[in-house]
């Protein structure tokens, strides 16, 4: 017996459009964006470090590794800020 295989449906989905509930103003300057990113990373680093104090063993090591990755990202953002506006 031959079974008929239906044709795949046409792609009728509309293109992706981001939710605008939380949106960064499009004309925000790069320095401001980096400054806010730096502050957010600093806060995330504190949260991860504080959280690690409640853990032990491998879980503590994982939380501290996450804190270190956040710190490295913060250093990169700070360097980008220095490149934009050297203080010397």
Protein backbone atom coordinates (compact mmCIF):
# COMPACT_ATOMS: atom_id res chain seq x y z
CA UNK A 1 0.00 0.00 0.00
CA UNK A 2 1.27 3.42 -0.89
CA UNK A 3 0.72 6.10 1.72
CA UNK A 4 0.45 9.67 0.57
CA UNK A 5 2.80 12.05 2.32
CA UNK A 6 1.31 15.52 2.64
CA UNK A 7 3.26 18.53 1.43
CA UNK A 8 4.97 20.48 4.21
CA UNK A 9 3.04 23.58 5.25
CA UNK A 10 4.06 26.90 3.76
CA UNK A 11 6.15 29.11 5.98
CA UNK A 12 3.49 31.55 7.14
CA UNK A 13 5.19 32.73 10.29
CA UNK A 14 5.87 36.43 10.47
CA UNK A 15 9.47 37.64 10.85
CA UNK A 16 10.91 37.93 14.34
CA UNK A 17 10.29 41.22 16.05
CA UNK A 18 11.78 41.78 19.50
CA UNK A 19 9.61 42.60 22.47
CA UNK A 20 9.91 46.31 23.14
CA UNK A 21 8.86 46.21 26.81
CA UNK A 22 12.52 46.55 27.79
CA UNK A 23 14.47 48.37 25.15
CA UNK A 24 17.63 50.44 25.02
CA UNK A 25 17.19 53.78 23.35
CA UNK A 26 18.65 53.30 19.85
CA UNK A 27 20.78 56.47 19.86
CA UNK A 28 22.47 55.79 23.23
CA UNK A 29 26.19 56.48 22.90
CA UNK A 30 28.72 53.67 23.17
CA UNK A 31 30.40 55.08 26.28
CA UNK A 32 27.11 55.10 28.20
CA UNK A 33 26.29 51.56 27.09
CA UNK A 34 29.71 50.32 28.20
CA UNK A 35 29.47 52.17 31.53
CA UNK A 36 26.12 50.52 32.27
CA UNK A 37 27.46 47.13 31.18
CA UNK A 38 30.43 47.59 33.51
CA UNK A 39 28.14 48.42 36.45
CA UNK A 40 25.90 45.44 35.70
CA UNK A 41 28.90 43.11 35.51
CA UNK A 42 30.26 44.46 38.81
CA UNK A 43 26.89 43.78 40.45
CA UNK A 44 26.71 40.28 38.97
CA UNK A 45 30.23 39.58 40.26
CA UNK A 46 29.20 40.54 43.80
CA UNK A 47 26.06 38.40 43.58
CA UNK A 48 28.01 35.35 42.35
CA UNK A 49 30.71 35.81 44.99
CA UNK A 50 28.17 36.22 47.79
CA UNK A 51 26.25 33.19 46.56
CA UNK A 52 29.45 31.12 46.60
CA UNK A 53 29.79 31.67 50.36
CA UNK A 54 26.67 29.54 50.89
CA UNK A 55 28.01 26.66 48.83
CA UNK A 56 30.71 24.05 49.30
CA UNK A 57 32.71 21.67 47.18
CA UNK A 58 32.21 21.60 43.40
CA UNK A 59 29.20 23.92 43.56
CA UNK A 60 31.29 26.59 45.31
CA UNK A 61 34.04 26.19 42.73
CA UNK A 62 31.48 26.61 39.94
CA UNK A 63 30.05 29.78 41.49
CA UNK A 64 33.56 31.21 41.95
CA UNK A 65 34.41 30.35 38.34
CA UNK A 66 31.30 32.21 37.20
CA UNK A 67 32.35 35.20 39.32
CA UNK A 68 35.79 35.10 37.71
CA UNK A 69 34.34 35.01 34.19
CA UNK A 70 32.15 37.99 35.08
CA UNK A 71 35.19 39.83 36.43
CA UNK A 72 37.13 39.18 33.22
CA UNK A 73 34.22 40.54 31.17
CA UNK A 74 34.15 43.61 33.42
CA UNK A 75 37.88 44.14 32.79
CA UNK A 76 37.28 43.92 29.04
CA UNK A 77 34.48 46.49 29.22
CA UNK A 78 36.69 48.79 31.32
CA UNK A 79 39.44 48.51 28.71
CA UNK A 80 36.93 49.37 25.99
CA UNK A 81 35.91 52.44 28.01
CA UNK A 82 39.58 53.43 28.33
CA UNK A 83 39.98 53.08 24.56
CA UNK A 84 37.01 55.37 23.97
CA UNK A 85 38.04 58.02 26.51
CA UNK A 86 41.69 57.74 27.61
CA UNK A 87 42.25 59.41 30.98
CA UNK A 88 45.87 60.28 30.36
